[in-house]
């Protein structure tokens, strides 16, 4: 997935995606933008791996999901809520 496609899927500008990707330790962006990004990734079948979550190589990251969730899925709601909490904690 390239920046243009991610921007379209998340209803964000390419510049916003580029700014988020250029962030070093913490992703720069407002909570609404982060929630849109997380939702778009989730809908595309990409799972965000949180700090301390089970991961073969350890640490945070992303991986493809085994199954795509349906819209309104509790898992998707949890990812969005976790992203919002993390964004608020960083501000």
C-alpha atoms as a PDB file:
ATOM      1  CA  UNK A   1       0.000   0.000   0.000  1.00  0.00           C
ATOM      2  CA  UNK A   2       1.483   3.350  -0.949  1.00  0.00           C
ATOM      3  CA  UNK A   3       0.932   6.735   0.681  1.00  0.00           C
ATOM      4  CA  UNK A   4      -1.654   7.831  -1.895  1.00  0.00           C
ATOM      5  CA  UNK A   5      -3.770   4.699  -1.390  1.00  0.00           C
ATOM      6  CA  UNK A   6      -3.537   4.965   2.398  1.00  0.00           C
ATOM      7  CA  UNK A   7      -4.523   8.642   2.187  1.00  0.00           C
ATOM      8  CA  UNK A   8      -7.588   7.736   0.111  1.00  0.00           C
ATOM      9  CA  UNK A   9      -8.616   4.865   2.392  1.00  0.00           C
ATOM     10  CA  UNK A  10      -8.267   6.994   5.521  1.00  0.00           C
ATOM     11  CA  UNK A  11      -9.722  10.234   4.074  1.00  0.00           C
ATOM     12  CA  UNK A  12      -6.485  12.035   4.965  1.00  0.00           C
ATOM     13  CA  UNK A  13      -4.158  14.032   2.739  1.00  0.00           C
ATOM     14  CA  UNK A  14      -0.951  12.555   1.361  1.00  0.00           C
ATOM     15  CA  UNK A  15       0.926  15.292   3.242  1.00  0.00           C
ATOM     16  CA  UNK A  16      -0.619  14.101   6.532  1.00  0.00           C
ATOM     17  CA  UNK A  17       0.435  10.508   5.829  1.00  0.00           C
ATOM     18  CA  UNK A  18       3.960  11.708   4.938  1.00  0.00           C
ATOM     19  CA  UNK A  19       4.180  13.755   8.149  1.00  0.00           C
ATOM     20  CA  UNK A  20       3.078  10.746  10.219  1.00  0.00           C
ATOM     21  CA  UNK A  21       5.617   8.482   8.497  1.00  0.00           C
ATOM     22  CA  UNK A  22       8.403  11.013   9.031  1.00  0.00           C
ATOM     23  CA  UNK A  23       7.769  11.025  12.800  1.00  0.00           C
ATOM     24  CA  UNK A  24      10.590   9.468  14.788  1.00  0.00           C
ATOM     25  CA  UNK A  25       9.603   7.860  18.125  1.00  0.00           C
ATOM     26  CA  UNK A  26       6.019   9.139  18.315  1.00  0.00           C
ATOM     27  CA  UNK A  27       3.607   9.608  15.450  1.00  0.00           C
ATOM     28  CA  UNK A  28       2.651  13.258  15.036  1.00  0.00           C
ATOM     29  CA  UNK A  29      -1.017  13.863  14.336  1.00  0.00           C
ATOM     30  CA  UNK A  30      -4.302  14.690  15.992  1.00  0.00           C
ATOM     31  CA  UNK A  31      -6.498  11.982  17.506  1.00  0.00           C
ATOM     32  CA  UNK A  32      -9.064  12.155  14.686  1.00  0.00           C
ATOM     33  CA  UNK A  33      -6.367  11.610  12.041  1.00  0.00           C
ATOM     34  CA  UNK A  34      -4.816   8.747  13.990  1.00  0.00           C
ATOM     35  CA  UNK A  35      -8.218   7.091  14.402  1.00  0.00           C
ATOM     36  CA  UNK A  36      -8.888   7.400  10.656  1.00  0.00           C
ATOM     37  CA  UNK A  37      -5.489   5.888   9.913  1.00  0.00           C
ATOM     38  CA  UNK A  38      -5.947   2.970  12.320  1.00  0.00           C
ATOM     39  CA  UNK A  39      -9.446   2.280  10.959  1.00  0.00           C
ATOM     40  CA  UNK A  40      -8.186   2.300   7.353  1.00  0.00           C
ATOM     41  CA  UNK A  41      -5.343  -0.090   8.184  1.00  0.00           C
ATOM     42  CA  UNK A  42      -7.713  -2.355  10.092  1.00  0.00           C
ATOM     43  CA  UNK A  43     -10.201  -2.413   7.205  1.00  0.00           C
ATOM     44  CA  UNK A  44      -7.327  -3.314   4.858  1.00  0.00           C
ATOM     45  CA  UNK A  45      -6.506  -6.355   7.007  1.00  0.00           C
ATOM     46  CA  UNK A  46      -3.452  -4.915   8.718  1.00  0.00           C
ATOM     47  CA  UNK A  47      -3.094  -5.616  12.418  1.00  0.00           C
ATOM     48  CA  UNK A  48      -1.216  -3.205  14.651  1.00  0.00           C
ATOM     49  CA  UNK A  49       0.929  -4.958  17.250  1.00  0.00           C
ATOM     50  CA  UNK A  50       0.971  -3.008  20.502  1.00  0.00           C
ATOM     51  CA  UNK A  51       3.872  -2.697  22.901  1.00  0.00           C
ATOM     52  CA  UNK A  52       4.074  -5.929  24.930  1.00  0.00           C
ATOM     53  CA  UNK A  53       1.697  -7.833  22.608  1.00  0.00           C
ATOM     54  CA  UNK A  54       2.657 -11.258  21.268  1.00  0.00           C
ATOM     55  CA  UNK A  55       4.977 -10.815  18.311  1.00  0.00           C
ATOM     56  CA  UNK A  56       7.483 -13.270  16.852  1.00  0.00           C
ATOM     57  CA  UNK A  57      10.220 -10.634  16.753  1.00  0.00           C
ATOM     58  CA  UNK A  58       9.125  -8.674  19.846  1.00  0.00           C
ATOM     59  CA  UNK A  59       8.204  -5.022  20.154  1.00  0.00           C
ATOM     60  CA  UNK A  60       5.643  -3.014  18.250  1.00  0.00           C
ATOM     61  CA  UNK A  61       4.897  -3.432  14.558  1.00  0.00           C
ATOM     62  CA  UNK A  62       2.294  -4.510  12.022  1.00  0.00           C
ATOM     63  CA  UNK A  63       1.249  -7.768  10.389  1.00  0.00           C
ATOM     64  CA  UNK A  64      -1.491  -8.959   8.066  1.00  0.00           C
ATOM     65  CA  UNK A  65      -4.540 -10.381   9.807  1.00  0.00           C
ATOM     66  CA  UNK A  66      -5.729 -13.923   9.214  1.00  0.00           C
ATOM     67  CA  UNK A  67      -9.250 -12.662   8.515  1.00  0.00           C
ATOM     68  CA  UNK A  68     -10.667  -9.262   7.688  1.00  0.00           C
ATOM     69  CA  UNK A  69     -12.988  -7.977  10.424  1.00  0.00           C
ATOM     70  CA  UNK A  70     -16.499  -6.865   9.624  1.00  0.00           C
ATOM     71  CA  UNK A  71     -17.305  -3.188  10.135  1.00  0.00           C
ATOM     72  CA  UNK A  72     -18.265  -2.375  13.728  1.00  0.00           C
ATOM     73  CA  UNK A  73     -16.169  -5.284  15.005  1.00  0.00           C
ATOM     74  CA  UNK A  74     -15.200  -5.044  18.689  1.00  0.00           C
ATOM     75  CA  UNK A  75     -11.546  -5.631  17.755  1.00  0.00           C
ATOM     76  CA  UNK A  76     -11.620  -2.595  15.434  1.00  0.00           C
ATOM     77  CA  UNK A  77     -13.213  -0.478  18.161  1.00  0.00           C
ATOM     78  CA  UNK A  78     -10.459  -1.549  20.566  1.00  0.00           C
ATOM     79  CA  UNK A  79      -7.697  -0.646  18.081  1.00  0.00           C
ATOM     80  CA  UNK A  80      -9.181   2.793  17.534  1.00  0.00           C
ATOM     81  CA  UNK A  81      -9.627   3.346  21.282  1.00  0.00           C
ATOM     82  CA  UNK A  82      -6.044   2.196  21.956  1.00  0.00           C
ATOM     83  CA  UNK A  83      -4.715   4.551  19.279  1.00  0.00           C
ATOM     84  CA  UNK A  84      -6.692   7.447  20.718  1.00  0.00           C
ATOM     85  CA  UNK A  85      -5.433   6.711  24.242  1.00  0.00           C
ATOM     86  CA  UNK A  86      -1.849   6.513  22.975  1.00  0.00           C
ATOM     87  CA  UNK A  87      -2.185   9.777  21.065  1.00  0.00           C
ATOM     88  CA  UNK A  88      -3.618  11.554  24.114  1.00  0.00           C
ATOM     89  CA  UNK A  89      -0.821  10.182  26.312  1.00  0.00           C
ATOM     90  CA  UNK A  90       1.801  11.576  23.931  1.00  0.00           C
ATOM     91  CA  UNK A  91       0.358  15.112  23.911  1.00  0.00           C
END
